Amino acid sequence: MRTPRVLTLFAAALVATVARAQTPAPAADLGPKVGDLAPDFTLPASNKDGKLAQPIHLSALKGQVVVLAFFPRARTSG
């Protein structure tokens, strides 16, 4: 009689562990919220003709509308 009870307890523990492992972790609080001011940053820049000689500083565009577009596979073999 002891073996079935041990197996039942083991199965219950296993089910609880699997259920806990499948519960998604809460999302980390990363990055700015909507409406927050963006921190100043510098990025290499390019246009339709290729890479620009000087990087772009966000602070140089203050007061203008800025749209950042990321194309992860552009100009790559990926």
N, C-alpha and C. Protein backbone atom coordinates (compact mmCIF):
# COMPACT_ATOMS: atom_id res chain seq x y z
N MET A 1 0.81 -1.21 0.00
CA MET A 1 0.00 0.00 0.00
C MET A 1 0.85 1.27 0.00
N ARG A 2 2.05 1.19 0.52
CA ARG A 2 2.92 2.37 0.60
C ARG A 2 3.36 2.83 -0.80
N THR A 3 3.63 1.92 -1.72
CA THR A 3 4.12 2.27 -3.05
C THR A 3 3.11 3.12 -3.82
N PRO A 4 1.82 2.78 -3.88
CA PRO A 4 0.88 3.63 -4.61
C PRO A 4 0.79 5.04 -4.03
N ARG A 5 0.86 5.17 -2.70
CA ARG A 5 0.77 6.48 -2.08
C ARG A 5 2.00 7.33 -2.45
N VAL A 6 3.18 6.72 -2.44
CA VAL A 6 4.41 7.43 -2.82
C VAL A 6 4.33 7.85 -4.28
N LEU A 7 3.85 6.95 -5.13
CA LEU A 7 3.71 7.30 -6.55
C LEU A 7 2.71 8.43 -6.75
N THR A 8 1.62 8.41 -5.99
CA THR A 8 0.62 9.47 -6.09
C THR A 8 1.22 10.81 -5.68
N LEU A 9 1.97 10.82 -4.58
CA LEU A 9 2.60 12.06 -4.13
C LEU A 9 3.63 12.54 -5.15
N PHE A 10 4.41 11.61 -5.70
CA PHE A 10 5.40 11.96 -6.71
C PHE A 10 4.72 12.54 -7.95
N ALA A 11 3.63 11.91 -8.39
CA ALA A 11 2.91 12.39 -9.58
C ALA A 11 2.33 13.78 -9.33
N ALA A 12 1.80 14.02 -8.12
CA ALA A 12 1.24 15.33 -7.80
C ALA A 12 2.34 16.39 -7.80
N ALA A 13 3.50 16.05 -7.25
CA ALA A 13 4.62 17.00 -7.24
C ALA A 13 5.10 17.28 -8.65
N LEU A 14 5.14 16.26 -9.48
CA LEU A 14 5.57 16.42 -10.86
C LEU A 14 4.61 17.32 -11.64
N VAL A 15 3.32 17.10 -11.47
CA VAL A 15 2.32 17.93 -12.15
C VAL A 15 2.44 19.38 -11.70
N ALA A 16 2.62 19.61 -10.40
CA ALA A 16 2.76 20.98 -9.89
C ALA A 16 4.01 21.64 -10.45
N THR A 17 5.11 20.89 -10.56
CA THR A 17 6.35 21.44 -11.09
C THR A 17 6.21 21.80 -12.56
N VAL A 18 5.58 20.94 -13.33
CA VAL A 18 5.38 21.20 -14.75
C VAL A 18 4.46 22.40 -14.94
N ALA A 19 3.40 22.50 -14.16
CA ALA A 19 2.48 23.63 -14.27
C ALA A 19 3.20 24.93 -13.94
N ARG A 20 4.05 24.91 -12.92
CA ARG A 20 4.79 26.11 -12.55
C ARG A 20 5.78 26.49 -13.64
N ALA A 21 6.41 25.50 -14.27
CA ALA A 21 7.39 25.76 -15.32
C ALA A 21 6.72 26.34 -16.57
N GLN A 22 5.46 26.03 -16.79
CA GLN A 22 4.77 26.51 -17.98
C GLN A 22 4.12 27.88 -17.78
N THR A 23 4.10 28.36 -16.54
CA THR A 23 3.55 29.68 -16.27
C THR A 23 4.57 30.72 -16.70
N PRO A 24 4.19 31.62 -17.62
CA PRO A 24 5.17 32.61 -18.08
C PRO A 24 5.58 33.55 -16.95
N ALA A 25 6.84 33.91 -16.97
CA ALA A 25 7.35 34.86 -15.99
C ALA A 25 6.81 36.24 -16.30
N PRO A 26 6.63 37.06 -15.29
CA PRO A 26 6.16 38.42 -15.56
C PRO A 26 7.18 39.17 -16.42
N ALA A 27 6.68 40.00 -17.30
CA ALA A 27 7.55 40.74 -18.20
C ALA A 27 8.42 41.72 -17.41
N ALA A 28 9.66 41.79 -17.78
CA ALA A 28 10.57 42.73 -17.13
C ALA A 28 10.21 44.15 -17.55
N ASP A 29 10.40 45.07 -16.67
CA ASP A 29 10.10 46.47 -16.96
C ASP A 29 11.30 47.06 -17.70
N LEU A 30 11.30 46.94 -19.02
CA LEU A 30 12.41 47.41 -19.84
C LEU A 30 12.01 48.61 -20.66
N GLY A 31 12.91 49.54 -20.77
CA GLY A 31 12.73 50.64 -21.68
C GLY A 31 11.76 51.69 -21.19
N PRO A 32 11.64 52.75 -21.98
CA PRO A 32 10.75 53.85 -21.60
C PRO A 32 9.29 53.50 -21.82
N LYS A 33 8.44 54.21 -21.14
CA LYS A 33 7.00 54.06 -21.30
C LYS A 33 6.53 55.04 -22.38
N VAL A 34 5.35 54.84 -22.89
CA VAL A 34 4.78 55.75 -23.89
C VAL A 34 4.71 57.14 -23.27
N GLY A 35 5.23 58.11 -23.99
CA GLY A 35 5.21 59.50 -23.51
C GLY A 35 6.48 59.92 -22.80
N ASP A 36 7.33 58.98 -22.40
CA ASP A 36 8.61 59.33 -21.77
C ASP A 36 9.54 59.95 -22.80
N LEU A 37 10.41 60.84 -22.33
CA LEU A 37 11.42 61.40 -23.21
C LEU A 37 12.50 60.36 -23.45
N ALA A 38 12.95 60.28 -24.66
CA ALA A 38 14.01 59.32 -25.01
C ALA A 38 15.35 59.85 -24.51
N PRO A 39 16.20 58.97 -24.01
CA PRO A 39 17.54 59.42 -23.63
C PRO A 39 18.36 59.74 -24.88
N ASP A 40 19.34 60.61 -24.73
CA ASP A 40 20.18 60.95 -25.87
C ASP A 40 21.01 59.72 -26.25
N PHE A 41 21.18 59.50 -27.53
CA PHE A 41 22.00 58.40 -28.01
C PHE A 41 22.61 58.77 -29.35
N THR A 42 23.61 58.02 -29.73
CA THR A 42 24.29 58.22 -31.01
C THR A 42 24.27 56.92 -31.78
N LEU A 43 23.94 56.99 -33.04
CA LEU A 43 23.87 55.80 -33.89
C LEU A 43 24.54 56.07 -35.23
N PRO A 44 25.13 55.04 -35.82
CA PRO A 44 25.58 55.19 -37.20
C PRO A 44 24.34 55.39 -38.07
N ALA A 45 24.46 56.15 -39.10
CA ALA A 45 23.30 56.46 -39.93
C ALA A 45 23.55 56.07 -41.37
N SER A 46 22.47 55.83 -42.07
CA SER A 46 22.57 55.54 -43.50
C SER A 46 21.33 56.10 -44.18
N ASN A 47 21.45 56.27 -45.46
CA ASN A 47 20.32 56.70 -46.27
C ASN A 47 20.27 55.81 -47.50
N LYS A 48 19.51 56.21 -48.50
CA LYS A 48 19.36 55.36 -49.69
C LYS A 48 20.68 55.16 -50.44
N ASP A 49 21.65 56.06 -50.22
CA ASP A 49 22.93 55.97 -50.92
C ASP A 49 24.00 55.21 -50.12
N GLY A 50 23.67 54.83 -48.92
CA GLY A 50 24.63 54.08 -48.10
C GLY A 50 24.87 54.72 -46.75
N LYS A 51 25.91 54.26 -46.08
CA LYS A 51 26.23 54.72 -44.74
C LYS A 51 26.75 56.15 -44.79
N LEU A 52 26.29 56.96 -43.82
CA LEU A 52 26.74 58.35 -43.73
C LEU A 52 28.07 58.41 -42.99
N ALA A 53 28.88 59.40 -43.29
CA ALA A 53 30.21 59.53 -42.69
C ALA A 53 30.13 59.84 -41.20
N GLN A 54 29.17 60.65 -40.79
CA GLN A 54 29.05 61.06 -39.39
C GLN A 54 27.85 60.37 -38.74
N PRO A 55 28.00 59.95 -37.49
CA PRO A 55 26.86 59.36 -36.79
C PRO A 55 25.80 60.42 -36.47
N ILE A 56 24.63 59.97 -36.18
CA ILE A 56 23.51 60.86 -35.83
C ILE A 56 23.37 60.87 -34.30
N HIS A 57 23.23 62.08 -33.74
CA HIS A 57 22.99 62.25 -32.30
C HIS A 57 21.54 62.68 -32.14
N LEU A 58 20.81 62.00 -31.27
CA LEU A 58 19.42 62.36 -31.05
C LEU A 58 19.30 63.81 -30.59
N SER A 59 20.22 64.26 -29.76
CA SER A 59 20.16 65.64 -29.25
C SER A 59 20.26 66.67 -30.38
N ALA A 60 20.87 66.33 -31.49
CA ALA A 60 20.98 67.25 -32.63
C ALA A 60 19.64 67.43 -33.33
N LEU A 61 18.69 66.55 -33.07
CA LEU A 61 17.38 66.60 -33.72
C LEU A 61 16.30 67.14 -32.80
N LYS A 62 16.68 67.72 -31.66
CA LYS A 62 15.72 68.20 -30.68
C LYS A 62 14.74 69.18 -31.33
N GLY A 63 13.46 68.98 -31.02
CA GLY A 63 12.41 69.84 -31.57
C GLY A 63 11.85 69.34 -32.88
N GLN A 64 12.43 68.31 -33.45
CA GLN A 64 11.95 67.75 -34.71
C GLN A 64 11.27 66.42 -34.44
N VAL A 65 10.44 65.99 -35.35
CA VAL A 65 9.84 64.67 -35.25
C VAL A 65 10.88 63.66 -35.70
N VAL A 66 11.11 62.64 -34.88
CA VAL A 66 12.12 61.63 -35.20
C VAL A 66 11.44 60.27 -35.26
N VAL A 67 11.67 59.56 -36.34
CA VAL A 67 11.15 58.21 -36.49
C VAL A 67 12.35 57.28 -36.66
N LEU A 68 12.46 56.31 -35.78
CA LEU A 68 13.53 55.31 -35.90
C LEU A 68 12.95 54.09 -36.58
N ALA A 69 13.61 53.63 -37.60
CA ALA A 69 13.17 52.43 -38.31
C ALA A 69 14.30 51.41 -38.29
N PHE A 70 13.99 50.21 -37.90
CA PHE A 70 14.98 49.14 -37.84
C PHE A 70 14.61 48.07 -38.86
N PHE A 71 15.57 47.72 -39.67
CA PHE A 71 15.40 46.68 -40.67
C PHE A 71 16.49 45.65 -40.42
N PRO A 72 16.22 44.66 -39.57
CA PRO A 72 17.27 43.76 -39.13
C PRO A 72 17.96 42.97 -40.24
N ARG A 73 17.30 42.73 -41.34
CA ARG A 73 17.92 41.93 -42.39
C ARG A 73 18.36 42.77 -43.59
N ALA A 74 18.20 44.07 -43.51
CA ALA A 74 18.58 44.91 -44.63
C ALA A 74 20.07 44.88 -44.84
N ARG A 75 20.46 44.81 -46.07
CA ARG A 75 21.89 44.79 -46.47
C ARG A 75 22.68 43.66 -45.84
N THR A 76 22.00 42.55 -45.60
CA THR A 76 22.69 41.35 -45.09
C THR A 76 22.25 40.16 -45.93
N SER A 77 22.93 39.07 -45.73
CA SER A 77 22.54 37.85 -46.44
C SER A 77 21.43 37.11 -45.71
N GLY A 78 21.06 37.58 -44.50
CA GLY A 78 20.07 36.91 -43.66
C GLY A 78 18.70 37.19 -44.08
